[in-house]
N, C-alpha and C. Protein backbone atom coordinates (compact mmCIF):
# COMPACT_ATOMS: atom_id res chain seq x y z
N UNK A 1 53.70 92.25 86.91
CA UNK A 1 54.16 92.45 85.46
C UNK A 1 53.88 93.85 85.04
N UNK A 2 52.79 94.60 85.42
CA UNK A 2 52.55 95.90 84.80
C UNK A 2 53.53 96.90 85.55
N UNK A 3 53.82 96.52 86.66
CA UNK A 3 54.81 97.61 87.39
C UNK A 3 56.26 97.46 86.73
N UNK A 4 56.57 96.19 86.67
CA UNK A 4 57.90 95.91 85.88
C UNK A 4 57.83 96.58 84.54
N UNK A 5 56.78 96.50 83.75
CA UNK A 5 56.79 96.95 82.42
C UNK A 5 56.90 98.48 82.52
N UNK A 6 56.28 99.33 83.48
CA UNK A 6 56.43 100.64 83.62
C UNK A 6 57.90 101.07 83.88
N UNK A 7 58.53 100.17 84.79
CA UNK A 7 59.75 100.54 85.32
C UNK A 7 60.82 100.42 84.16
N UNK A 8 60.70 99.53 83.29
CA UNK A 8 61.89 99.44 82.32
C UNK A 8 61.35 99.82 80.90
N UNK A 9 59.91 100.52 80.92
CA UNK A 9 59.76 100.99 79.66
C UNK A 9 59.16 100.11 78.56
N UNK A 10 58.64 99.02 79.02
CA UNK A 10 58.18 98.09 78.07
C UNK A 10 56.50 98.17 77.92
N UNK A 11 55.89 97.71 76.83
CA UNK A 11 54.65 97.76 76.72
C UNK A 11 53.77 97.01 77.74
N UNK A 12 52.86 97.28 78.26
CA UNK A 12 51.94 96.35 79.33
C UNK A 12 51.40 95.46 78.60
N UNK A 13 51.40 94.26 79.03
CA UNK A 13 50.66 93.12 78.38
C UNK A 13 49.64 92.72 79.23
N UNK A 14 48.47 92.37 78.64
CA UNK A 14 47.28 91.92 79.25
C UNK A 14 47.30 90.50 79.68
N UNK A 15 48.16 89.74 79.00
CA UNK A 15 47.94 88.37 79.07
C UNK A 15 49.50 87.86 79.33
N UNK A 16 49.62 86.69 79.89
CA UNK A 16 51.01 86.04 80.06
C UNK A 16 51.63 86.15 78.75
N UNK A 17 53.00 86.64 78.90
CA UNK A 17 53.92 86.69 77.77
C UNK A 17 54.28 85.17 77.37
N UNK A 18 54.02 84.93 75.92
CA UNK A 18 54.35 83.68 75.52
C UNK A 18 55.80 83.63 75.11
N UNK A 19 56.51 82.34 74.92
CA UNK A 19 57.95 82.31 74.84
C UNK A 19 58.24 83.08 73.33
N UNK A 20 57.51 83.14 72.52
CA UNK A 20 57.90 83.86 71.12
C UNK A 20 58.02 85.31 71.41
N UNK A 21 56.93 85.96 72.04
CA UNK A 21 56.87 87.20 72.47
C UNK A 21 58.18 87.58 73.30
N UNK A 22 58.46 86.90 74.28
CA UNK A 22 59.63 87.01 75.08
C UNK A 22 60.92 87.09 74.33
N UNK A 23 60.98 86.37 73.31
CA UNK A 23 62.17 86.19 72.43
C UNK A 23 62.22 87.47 71.72
N UNK A 24 61.21 88.01 71.17
CA UNK A 24 61.30 89.27 70.51
C UNK A 24 61.48 90.47 71.29
N UNK A 25 61.12 90.47 72.56
CA UNK A 25 61.23 91.61 73.43
C UNK A 25 62.78 91.74 73.85
N UNK A 26 63.20 90.48 74.33
CA UNK A 26 64.32 90.45 75.06
C UNK A 26 65.60 89.95 74.22
N UNK A 27 65.30 89.31 73.04
CA UNK A 27 66.50 88.68 72.30
C UNK A 27 66.97 87.53 72.83
N UNK A 28 66.30 86.73 73.80
CA UNK A 28 66.74 85.58 74.53
C UNK A 28 65.59 84.49 74.34
N UNK A 29 66.20 83.20 74.21
CA UNK A 29 65.08 82.24 74.06
C UNK A 29 64.23 81.95 75.33
N UNK A 30 63.27 81.43 75.30
CA UNK A 30 62.48 81.19 76.41
C UNK A 30 63.26 80.35 77.57
N UNK A 31 63.12 80.87 78.91
CA UNK A 31 63.92 80.20 79.96
C UNK A 31 65.15 80.82 80.23
N UNK A 32 65.49 81.78 79.31
CA UNK A 32 66.91 82.65 79.57
C UNK A 32 66.49 84.01 79.92
N UNK A 33 65.36 84.42 80.30
CA UNK A 33 64.95 85.78 80.41
C UNK A 33 65.75 86.06 81.84
N UNK A 34 66.54 87.18 81.44
CA UNK A 34 67.45 87.81 82.49
C UNK A 34 66.90 89.14 82.90
N UNK A 35 67.38 89.75 84.27
CA UNK A 35 66.91 91.05 84.48
C UNK A 35 67.73 92.06 83.57
N UNK A 36 66.96 93.09 83.28
CA UNK A 36 67.54 94.13 82.31
C UNK A 36 68.86 94.77 82.70
N UNK A 37 69.29 94.70 84.13
CA UNK A 37 70.39 95.17 84.71
C UNK A 37 71.38 94.35 84.71
N UNK A 38 71.38 92.94 84.55
CA UNK A 38 72.36 91.99 84.59
C UNK A 38 73.60 92.35 83.56
N UNK A 39 73.50 92.82 82.42
CA UNK A 39 74.57 93.18 81.64
C UNK A 39 75.33 94.16 82.15
N UNK A 40 74.90 95.25 82.75
CA UNK A 40 75.45 96.37 83.43
C UNK A 40 76.33 95.75 84.46
N UNK A 41 75.83 95.14 85.28
CA UNK A 41 76.51 94.58 86.42
C UNK A 41 77.58 93.62 86.02
N UNK A 42 77.59 93.12 84.78
CA UNK A 42 78.51 92.15 84.59
C UNK A 42 79.93 93.06 83.95
N UNK A 43 79.70 94.27 83.58
CA UNK A 43 80.70 95.04 82.96
C UNK A 43 81.62 95.59 84.05
N UNK A 44 82.89 95.67 83.72
CA UNK A 44 83.76 96.24 84.81
C UNK A 44 83.83 97.60 84.70
N UNK A 45 84.29 98.45 85.67
CA UNK A 45 84.41 99.91 85.71
C UNK A 45 85.95 100.07 85.21
N UNK A 46 85.95 100.90 84.23
CA UNK A 46 87.40 101.18 83.91
C UNK A 46 87.75 102.54 84.24
N UNK A 47 89.06 102.67 84.76
CA UNK A 47 89.55 103.87 85.45
C UNK A 47 90.98 103.89 84.94
N UNK A 48 91.32 104.92 84.09
CA UNK A 48 92.70 105.04 83.51
C UNK A 48 93.17 103.79 82.87
N UNK A 49 92.39 103.17 82.17
CA UNK A 49 92.75 101.90 81.33
C UNK A 49 92.86 100.61 82.19
N UNK A 50 92.37 100.93 83.43
CA UNK A 50 92.43 99.64 84.35
C UNK A 50 90.94 99.14 84.69
N UNK A 51 90.66 97.94 84.66
CA UNK A 51 89.44 97.46 84.87
C UNK A 51 89.09 96.97 86.21
N UNK A 52 88.18 97.43 86.90
CA UNK A 52 87.82 97.14 88.32
C UNK A 52 86.45 96.26 88.24
N UNK A 53 86.42 95.00 88.62
CA UNK A 53 85.36 94.21 88.60
C UNK A 53 84.25 94.72 89.57
N UNK A 54 82.95 94.68 89.18
CA UNK A 54 82.02 95.13 89.97
C UNK A 54 81.84 94.37 91.33
N UNK A 55 82.00 93.04 91.12
CA UNK A 55 81.66 92.12 92.15
C UNK A 55 83.02 91.12 92.32
N UNK A 56 83.38 90.94 93.54
CA UNK A 56 84.26 89.89 93.78
C UNK A 56 84.06 88.98 94.81
N UNK A 57 84.67 87.90 95.11
CA UNK A 57 84.46 87.04 96.25
C UNK A 57 85.71 87.04 97.20
N UNK A 58 85.68 87.21 98.33
CA UNK A 58 86.84 87.46 99.40
C UNK A 58 86.48 86.76 100.60
N UNK A 59 87.18 85.59 100.99
CA UNK A 59 86.87 84.90 102.07
C UNK A 59 85.53 84.31 102.17
N UNK A 60 84.92 83.99 100.93
CA UNK A 60 83.66 83.15 100.84
C UNK A 60 82.61 84.34 100.95
N UNK A 61 82.80 85.51 100.85
CA UNK A 61 81.90 86.47 101.05
C UNK A 61 81.71 87.47 99.48
N UNK A 62 80.49 87.90 98.92
CA UNK A 62 80.53 88.65 97.89
C UNK A 62 80.63 90.11 98.29
N UNK A 63 81.53 90.75 97.71
CA UNK A 63 81.90 92.24 97.96
C UNK A 63 81.43 92.93 96.69
N UNK A 64 80.91 94.21 96.92
CA UNK A 64 80.64 95.03 95.65
C UNK A 64 81.65 96.12 95.52
N UNK A 65 81.82 96.52 94.43
CA UNK A 65 82.81 97.70 94.33
C UNK A 65 81.87 98.96 94.77
N UNK A 66 82.47 99.68 95.80
CA UNK A 66 82.06 100.73 96.49
C UNK A 66 82.26 102.11 95.69
N UNK A 67 83.60 102.42 95.27
CA UNK A 67 83.93 103.41 94.58
C UNK A 67 85.29 103.43 93.81
N UNK A 68 85.71 104.12 92.99
CA UNK A 68 87.02 104.16 92.44
C UNK A 68 87.53 105.42 92.54
N UNK A 69 88.89 105.65 92.26
CA UNK A 69 89.56 106.93 92.32
C UNK A 69 91.06 106.79 91.67
N UNK A 70 91.57 107.98 91.73
CA UNK A 70 92.99 107.93 91.12
C UNK A 70 93.77 108.83 92.06
N UNK A 71 94.96 108.35 92.39
CA UNK A 71 95.94 109.00 93.38
C UNK A 71 96.77 109.93 92.30
N UNK A 72 96.78 111.38 92.44
CA UNK A 72 97.29 112.14 91.45
C UNK A 72 97.91 113.33 92.24
N UNK A 73 99.13 113.80 91.70
CA UNK A 73 99.73 114.90 92.19
C UNK A 73 100.03 115.78 90.90
N UNK A 74 99.29 116.97 90.87
CA UNK A 74 99.42 117.68 89.59
C UNK A 74 99.13 116.68 88.43
N UNK A 75 99.96 116.69 87.48
CA UNK A 75 99.86 115.91 86.32
C UNK A 75 100.23 114.48 86.41
N UNK A 76 100.81 114.17 87.58
CA UNK A 76 101.35 112.74 87.69
C UNK A 76 100.26 112.03 88.53
N UNK A 77 99.89 110.81 87.70
CA UNK A 77 98.84 109.82 88.32
C UNK A 77 99.70 108.51 88.68
N UNK A 78 99.59 108.36 90.09
CA UNK A 78 100.36 107.25 90.61
C UNK A 78 99.73 105.74 90.48
N UNK A 79 98.33 105.86 90.85
CA UNK A 79 97.73 104.50 90.89
C UNK A 79 96.13 104.77 90.86
N UNK A 80 95.59 103.86 90.16
CA UNK A 80 94.08 104.02 90.40
C UNK A 80 93.61 102.85 91.44
N UNK A 81 92.44 103.15 92.05
CA UNK A 81 92.17 102.37 93.40
C UNK A 81 90.78 102.07 93.43
N UNK A 82 90.38 100.86 93.91
CA UNK A 82 89.07 100.56 94.03
C UNK A 82 88.84 100.03 95.36
N UNK A 83 87.45 100.32 96.10
CA UNK A 83 87.24 99.72 97.32
C UNK A 83 86.09 98.80 97.22
N UNK A 84 86.20 97.70 97.88
CA UNK A 84 85.27 96.66 97.96
C UNK A 84 84.68 96.56 99.11
N UNK A 85 83.45 96.39 99.32
CA UNK A 85 82.64 96.28 100.75
C UNK A 85 81.56 95.36 100.50
N UNK A 86 80.89 94.89 101.59
CA UNK A 86 79.67 94.10 101.58
C UNK A 86 78.54 94.88 101.35
N UNK A 87 78.52 96.13 101.85
CA UNK A 87 77.47 97.03 101.46
C UNK A 87 77.86 98.35 101.20
N UNK A 88 77.14 99.30 100.59
CA UNK A 88 77.73 100.74 100.31
C UNK A 88 78.16 101.37 101.50
N UNK A 89 79.16 102.13 101.44
CA UNK A 89 79.67 103.05 102.54
C UNK A 89 79.92 104.40 101.92
N UNK A 90 79.20 105.49 102.49
CA UNK A 90 79.29 106.71 101.76
C UNK A 90 80.12 107.72 102.75
N UNK A 91 80.70 107.15 103.87
CA UNK A 91 81.35 108.05 104.65
C UNK A 91 82.55 107.20 105.17
N UNK A 92 83.60 107.48 105.85
CA UNK A 92 84.62 107.00 106.27
C UNK A 92 84.06 106.03 107.51
N UNK A 93 83.34 106.79 108.31
CA UNK A 93 82.65 106.17 109.53
C UNK A 93 81.89 104.88 108.93
N UNK A 94 81.10 105.02 108.05
CA UNK A 94 80.36 103.79 107.52
C UNK A 94 81.26 102.54 107.05
N UNK A 95 82.29 102.96 106.39
CA UNK A 95 83.18 102.02 105.76
C UNK A 95 84.03 101.29 106.88
N UNK A 96 84.60 102.14 107.95
CA UNK A 96 85.33 101.66 109.03
C UNK A 96 84.60 100.74 110.00
N UNK A 97 83.25 101.04 110.16
CA UNK A 97 82.28 100.31 110.93
C UNK A 97 81.82 98.99 110.49
N UNK A 98 81.86 98.79 109.26
CA UNK A 98 81.39 97.58 108.53
C UNK A 98 82.22 96.41 108.96
N UNK A 99 81.63 95.32 109.21
CA UNK A 99 82.44 94.04 109.45
C UNK A 99 82.71 93.20 108.36
N UNK A 100 83.25 92.18 108.59
CA UNK A 100 83.43 91.20 107.38
C UNK A 100 84.57 91.72 106.60
N UNK A 101 84.76 90.92 105.38
CA UNK A 101 86.02 91.08 104.54
C UNK A 101 85.93 92.50 103.82
N UNK A 102 87.08 93.08 103.52
CA UNK A 102 87.08 94.34 102.63
C UNK A 102 88.36 94.22 101.86
N UNK A 103 88.32 94.81 100.67
CA UNK A 103 89.53 94.91 99.96
C UNK A 103 89.77 96.37 99.33
N UNK A 104 90.85 96.84 99.30
CA UNK A 104 91.42 98.01 98.74
C UNK A 104 92.42 97.57 97.76
N UNK A 105 92.19 97.78 96.40
CA UNK A 105 92.71 97.46 95.42
C UNK A 105 93.45 98.49 94.56
N UNK A 106 94.71 98.47 94.47
CA UNK A 106 95.60 99.49 93.67
C UNK A 106 95.83 98.93 92.34
N UNK A 107 95.89 99.75 91.18
CA UNK A 107 96.60 99.49 89.96
C UNK A 107 97.45 100.56 89.62
N UNK A 108 98.98 100.03 89.62
CA UNK A 108 99.90 101.03 89.38
C UNK A 108 99.79 101.58 87.86
N UNK A 109 99.95 102.90 87.75
CA UNK A 109 100.03 103.58 86.59
C UNK A 109 101.48 103.84 86.26
N UNK A 110 102.26 103.87 87.14
CA UNK A 110 103.86 104.11 86.72
C UNK A 110 104.63 103.36 87.58
N UNK A 111 105.74 103.12 87.34
CA UNK A 111 106.78 102.35 88.09
C UNK A 111 107.23 103.42 89.45
N UNK A 112 107.08 102.63 90.64
CA UNK A 112 107.55 103.43 91.77
C UNK A 112 108.50 102.74 92.75
N UNK A 113 109.36 103.16 93.05
CA UNK A 113 110.51 102.47 94.13
C UNK A 113 109.76 101.97 95.36
N UNK A 114 109.96 100.69 95.80
CA UNK A 114 109.07 100.27 97.01
C UNK A 114 109.32 101.25 98.10
N UNK A 115 110.49 101.81 98.41
CA UNK A 115 110.85 102.69 99.62
C UNK A 115 109.91 103.69 99.35
N UNK A 116 109.55 104.16 98.20
CA UNK A 116 108.64 105.50 98.29
C UNK A 116 107.28 104.96 98.47
N UNK A 117 106.87 103.88 98.08
CA UNK A 117 105.47 103.41 98.36
C UNK A 117 105.46 103.22 99.73
N UNK A 118 106.44 102.52 100.33
CA UNK A 118 106.36 102.22 101.87
C UNK A 118 106.33 103.41 102.87
N UNK A 119 107.10 104.66 102.25
CA UNK A 119 107.09 105.87 103.04
C UNK A 119 105.72 106.40 102.98
N UNK A 120 104.96 106.42 101.92
CA UNK A 120 103.64 106.83 101.66
C UNK A 120 102.62 106.24 102.69
N UNK A 121 102.80 104.82 102.62
CA UNK A 121 101.93 104.06 103.63
C UNK A 121 102.02 104.57 105.16
N UNK A 122 103.46 104.65 105.63
CA UNK A 122 103.73 104.88 106.99
C UNK A 122 103.19 106.32 107.34
N UNK A 123 103.48 107.36 106.27
CA UNK A 123 103.09 108.64 106.59
C UNK A 123 101.52 108.80 106.69
N UNK A 124 100.79 108.08 105.99
CA UNK A 124 99.44 108.13 105.78
C UNK A 124 98.83 107.37 106.87
N UNK A 125 99.58 106.39 107.38
CA UNK A 125 98.82 105.88 108.67
C UNK A 125 99.04 106.65 109.87
N UNK A 126 100.26 107.19 110.15
CA UNK A 126 100.77 108.15 111.19
C UNK A 126 99.74 109.42 111.06
N UNK A 127 99.52 110.02 110.12
CA UNK A 127 98.74 111.17 109.88
C UNK A 127 97.31 111.04 110.32
N UNK A 128 96.66 109.76 110.31
CA UNK A 128 95.39 109.23 110.45
C UNK A 128 95.14 108.64 111.78
N UNK A 129 96.11 108.29 112.51
CA UNK A 129 95.84 107.61 113.74
C UNK A 129 95.87 108.60 114.81
N UNK A 130 95.12 108.05 115.93
CA UNK A 130 95.21 108.73 117.00
C UNK A 130 96.57 108.67 117.90
N UNK A 131 97.17 109.58 118.59
CA UNK A 131 98.54 109.28 119.25
C UNK A 131 98.52 108.05 120.09
N UNK A 132 97.60 107.65 120.71
CA UNK A 132 97.41 106.58 121.67
C UNK A 132 97.52 105.15 120.77
N UNK A 133 96.98 105.27 119.40
CA UNK A 133 97.09 104.17 118.55
C UNK A 133 98.54 103.75 118.15
N UNK A 134 99.47 104.94 118.04
CA UNK A 134 100.69 104.82 117.29
C UNK A 134 101.56 103.76 118.01
N UNK A 135 101.79 103.67 119.09
CA UNK A 135 102.65 102.67 119.85
C UNK A 135 101.93 101.16 119.56
N UNK A 136 100.67 101.05 119.64
CA UNK A 136 100.12 99.81 119.44
C UNK A 136 100.44 99.24 118.02
N UNK A 137 100.36 100.18 117.13
CA UNK A 137 100.65 99.86 115.64
C UNK A 137 102.13 99.63 115.26
N UNK A 138 103.06 100.10 116.16
CA UNK A 138 104.28 100.45 115.64
C UNK A 138 105.00 99.12 115.23
N UNK A 139 104.87 98.15 115.87
CA UNK A 139 105.60 96.76 115.51
C UNK A 139 104.99 96.26 114.05
N UNK A 140 103.69 96.43 113.91
CA UNK A 140 103.15 95.86 112.65
C UNK A 140 103.24 96.90 111.69
N UNK A 141 103.21 98.00 111.92
CA UNK A 141 103.71 99.09 110.87
C UNK A 141 105.12 98.66 110.28
N UNK A 142 106.13 98.42 111.00
CA UNK A 142 107.40 98.03 110.73
C UNK A 142 107.52 96.62 109.99
N UNK A 143 106.70 95.65 110.36
CA UNK A 143 106.64 94.35 109.69
C UNK A 143 106.03 94.77 108.27
N UNK A 144 104.94 95.51 108.20
CA UNK A 144 104.42 95.70 106.92
C UNK A 144 105.28 96.61 105.94
N UNK A 145 106.18 97.45 106.42
CA UNK A 145 107.10 98.25 105.75
C UNK A 145 108.17 97.42 105.07
N UNK A 146 108.62 96.48 105.92
CA UNK A 146 109.66 95.39 105.37
C UNK A 146 109.26 94.45 104.37
N UNK A 147 108.00 94.24 104.32
CA UNK A 147 107.38 93.53 103.22
C UNK A 147 107.19 94.35 102.09
N UNK A 148 106.87 95.64 102.16
CA UNK A 148 106.61 96.62 101.10
C UNK A 148 108.05 96.65 100.44
N UNK A 149 109.05 96.94 101.27
CA UNK A 149 110.53 97.18 100.79
C UNK A 149 111.07 95.93 100.11
N UNK A 150 110.75 94.93 100.65
CA UNK A 150 111.33 93.67 99.95
C UNK A 150 110.94 93.57 98.41
N UNK A 151 109.88 94.19 97.94
CA UNK A 151 109.34 94.32 96.69
C UNK A 151 110.51 94.81 95.70
N UNK A 152 111.20 95.74 96.26
CA UNK A 152 112.33 96.37 95.51
C UNK A 152 111.66 97.64 94.68
N UNK A 153 110.51 97.34 93.82
CA UNK A 153 109.69 98.31 93.23
C UNK A 153 108.37 97.79 92.67
N UNK A 154 107.46 98.56 92.74
CA UNK A 154 106.20 98.14 92.06
C UNK A 154 106.03 98.92 90.62
N UNK A 155 105.69 97.89 89.86
CA UNK A 155 105.68 98.42 88.33
C UNK A 155 104.43 98.68 87.71
N UNK A 156 104.50 99.57 86.66
CA UNK A 156 103.28 99.82 85.85
C UNK A 156 102.35 98.57 85.63
N UNK A 157 101.19 98.51 85.90
CA UNK A 157 100.38 97.39 85.75
C UNK A 157 100.28 96.47 86.71
N UNK A 158 101.18 96.59 87.94
CA UNK A 158 100.90 95.63 88.95
C UNK A 158 99.75 95.94 89.75
N UNK A 159 99.10 94.85 90.19
CA UNK A 159 97.83 94.83 91.02
C UNK A 159 98.16 94.47 92.42
N UNK A 160 98.06 95.61 93.14
CA UNK A 160 98.21 95.59 94.65
C UNK A 160 97.01 95.24 95.73
N UNK A 161 96.70 94.35 96.13
CA UNK A 161 95.50 94.08 97.00
C UNK A 161 95.89 94.18 98.65
N UNK A 162 95.21 94.90 99.14
CA UNK A 162 95.17 94.93 100.52
C UNK A 162 93.84 94.53 101.27
N UNK A 163 93.80 93.27 101.76
CA UNK A 163 92.60 92.64 102.16
C UNK A 163 92.44 92.56 103.55
N UNK A 164 91.16 92.55 104.25
CA UNK A 164 91.03 92.36 105.46
C UNK A 164 90.06 91.04 105.29
N UNK A 165 90.74 89.96 105.98
CA UNK A 165 89.99 88.72 106.21
C UNK A 165 89.74 88.40 107.56
N UNK A 166 88.45 88.15 108.05
CA UNK A 166 88.12 88.07 109.45
C UNK A 166 88.83 86.74 110.02
N UNK A 167 89.43 86.85 111.01
CA UNK A 167 90.18 85.90 111.67
C UNK A 167 91.55 85.61 111.23
N UNK A 168 91.88 86.28 110.10
CA UNK A 168 93.49 86.35 109.76
C UNK A 168 94.09 87.67 109.99
N UNK A 169 93.44 88.75 109.32
CA UNK A 169 94.10 90.06 109.61
C UNK A 169 94.22 90.57 108.27
N UNK A 170 95.21 91.32 108.07
CA UNK A 170 95.54 92.05 106.73
C UNK A 170 96.37 91.22 105.89
N UNK A 171 95.87 91.02 104.64
CA UNK A 171 96.58 90.03 103.71
C UNK A 171 96.98 91.04 102.61
N UNK A 172 98.27 91.01 102.31
CA UNK A 172 98.90 91.88 101.23
C UNK A 172 99.39 90.98 100.29
N UNK A 173 99.07 91.38 98.97
CA UNK A 173 99.31 90.50 97.90
C UNK A 173 99.51 91.30 96.71
N UNK A 174 100.49 91.15 95.86
CA UNK A 174 100.72 91.72 94.48
C UNK A 174 100.64 90.62 93.40
N UNK A 175 99.82 91.20 92.36
CA UNK A 175 99.56 90.36 91.24
C UNK A 175 98.96 88.87 91.84
N UNK A 176 98.29 88.87 92.67
CA UNK A 176 97.59 87.55 93.40
C UNK A 176 98.76 86.69 94.10
N UNK A 177 99.95 87.20 94.25
CA UNK A 177 101.04 86.37 95.10
C UNK A 177 101.04 87.10 96.47
N UNK A 178 100.79 86.48 97.50
CA UNK A 178 100.73 86.62 98.98
C UNK A 178 102.21 87.13 99.38
N UNK A 179 102.35 88.38 100.05
CA UNK A 179 103.53 88.89 100.55
C UNK A 179 103.50 88.71 101.98
N UNK A 180 104.06 87.35 102.32
CA UNK A 180 104.04 87.01 103.75
C UNK A 180 103.02 86.74 104.41
N UNK A 181 102.91 86.41 105.57
CA UNK A 181 101.58 85.87 106.50
C UNK A 181 100.78 87.18 106.89
N UNK A 182 99.59 86.81 107.10
CA UNK A 182 98.60 87.95 107.59
C UNK A 182 99.10 88.72 108.64
N UNK A 183 98.82 89.77 108.51
CA UNK A 183 99.23 90.92 109.93
C UNK A 183 97.96 90.92 110.75
N UNK A 184 98.08 90.46 111.99
CA UNK A 184 96.90 90.15 112.69
C UNK A 184 96.36 91.61 113.26
N UNK A 185 95.06 91.47 113.39
CA UNK A 185 94.26 92.63 114.18
C UNK A 185 93.53 93.68 113.03
N UNK A 186 92.29 93.72 113.32
CA UNK A 186 91.28 94.59 112.52
C UNK A 186 91.73 96.16 112.67
N UNK A 187 92.42 96.44 113.78
CA UNK A 187 92.76 97.88 113.78
C UNK A 187 93.99 98.15 112.91
N UNK A 188 94.72 97.30 112.55
CA UNK A 188 95.71 97.62 111.67
C UNK A 188 95.14 97.87 110.27
N UNK A 189 94.24 97.03 109.95
CA UNK A 189 93.60 97.23 108.64
C UNK A 189 92.88 98.62 108.47
N UNK A 190 92.28 98.79 109.68
CA UNK A 190 91.61 100.19 109.78
C UNK A 190 92.42 101.36 109.73
N UNK A 191 93.71 101.21 110.30
CA UNK A 191 94.75 102.36 110.09
C UNK A 191 95.10 102.58 108.58
N UNK A 192 95.21 101.26 107.97
CA UNK A 192 95.65 101.53 106.44
C UNK A 192 94.31 102.05 105.71
N UNK A 193 93.24 101.71 105.98
CA UNK A 193 92.09 102.16 105.19
C UNK A 193 91.91 103.56 105.56
N UNK A 194 92.12 104.06 106.75
CA UNK A 194 92.00 105.65 107.05
C UNK A 194 92.98 106.40 106.24
N UNK A 195 94.13 105.79 105.74
CA UNK A 195 95.13 106.63 104.94
C UNK A 195 94.47 107.02 103.70
N UNK A 196 93.32 106.17 103.30
CA UNK A 196 92.63 106.46 102.01
C UNK A 196 91.43 107.40 102.16
N UNK A 197 90.67 107.29 103.21
CA UNK A 197 89.39 107.70 103.51
C UNK A 197 89.28 108.37 104.74
N UNK A 198 90.19 108.43 105.48
CA UNK A 198 90.25 109.03 106.91
C UNK A 198 90.10 110.76 106.81
N UNK A 199 90.31 111.39 107.81
CA UNK A 199 90.28 112.79 107.96
C UNK A 199 91.41 113.37 107.16
N UNK A 200 92.65 112.79 107.05
CA UNK A 200 93.68 113.46 106.45
C UNK A 200 94.31 112.32 105.39
N UNK A 201 93.34 112.21 104.29
CA UNK A 201 93.71 111.05 103.34
C UNK A 201 94.88 111.57 102.37
N UNK A 202 95.48 110.64 101.72
CA UNK A 202 96.44 110.84 100.62
C UNK A 202 96.16 111.85 99.65
N UNK A 203 94.70 111.68 99.19
CA UNK A 203 94.15 112.54 98.14
C UNK A 203 92.83 112.78 98.47
N UNK A 204 92.22 113.93 98.57
CA UNK A 204 90.87 114.24 98.84
C UNK A 204 89.91 113.72 97.65
N UNK A 205 90.54 113.78 96.35
CA UNK A 205 89.45 113.45 95.35
C UNK A 205 89.53 111.77 95.32
N UNK A 206 90.67 111.20 95.61
CA UNK A 206 90.62 109.76 95.72
C UNK A 206 89.70 109.30 96.83
N UNK A 207 89.81 109.89 97.82
CA UNK A 207 88.82 109.63 99.13
C UNK A 207 87.43 109.79 98.64
N UNK A 208 86.95 110.83 97.91
CA UNK A 208 85.78 110.96 97.43
C UNK A 208 85.40 110.02 96.30
N UNK A 209 86.03 109.38 95.59
CA UNK A 209 85.87 108.55 94.56
C UNK A 209 85.60 107.08 95.32
N UNK A 210 86.65 106.66 96.18
CA UNK A 210 86.32 105.70 96.79
C UNK A 210 85.18 105.40 97.75
N UNK A 211 84.59 106.58 98.14
CA UNK A 211 83.37 106.47 98.99
C UNK A 211 82.24 106.78 98.28
N UNK A 212 82.36 106.51 96.72
CA UNK A 212 81.16 106.50 95.78
C UNK A 212 80.77 107.75 95.32
N UNK A 213 81.46 108.99 95.46
CA UNK A 213 81.38 110.21 94.82
C UNK A 213 82.05 110.59 93.71
N UNK A 214 82.04 111.67 93.30
CA UNK A 214 82.79 112.25 92.06
C UNK A 214 84.45 112.35 92.30
N UNK A 215 85.14 111.61 91.72
CA UNK A 215 86.54 111.62 92.05
C UNK A 215 87.18 112.75 91.53
C-alpha cells in the first residue's frame, strides 16, 4: 500500500484503511474502490470531433487503440483514423508481425465519391507491395474495389472499418454493415495496412499518429 500511495500521491497510511476513510479519499463507497486510471481508460480519444474508443472487442479478443491520425492534404482533411491492436506497435514491422485480430477504423470528415476512395486504396496498395506480390493480390484487389465502388459515395460521419479476423480474412463494413463476404488471406490485409503505415504511406503524419507518435 505504501508503494501505491507514493505512486498516486496519496498520504501513506500506517494501518489498513477503513471504509469511511476510503470513501473520503476516493469518493466511492466501500467495495467500489477502482484503480485511479480507470476513468481515463473509459474516456474515448477525440480527433476532429470523432470519438475513438480506447478498447474494443473484435473476434472475441480485446484490442487497444494504438494511435490515431488525420489524412490531410493542405487544408483539406479527408478522414480521421484509429488503429486497434492486441498490443502496442510502434513500427510498421511490429504492427504487421502481430497475429490475431486488427482493426483500422476511418471516420469520414467529408463526403467523397466511392471511386476516389477506391483509387486511393488501389494506389496505396500498389505503392507498398513488392512487385512479386502484385499478381497474387490482383484478383482480391479487384474484388475489394468493386465493393468500394458499390457504395456510390462515403458520406461525412460514416464509419469505415477494415478488420482482420483470423480464419476469415479482411472484413469490410460501413457504419456496422458488412460489405460482402470476407476477403481471404492475411496477406491482403497486410497490403491494405501497409498503405497506412508502410514505407510509402498515404500520409506520413497519419502514419506517425497510427503508430502512437505525434500526428
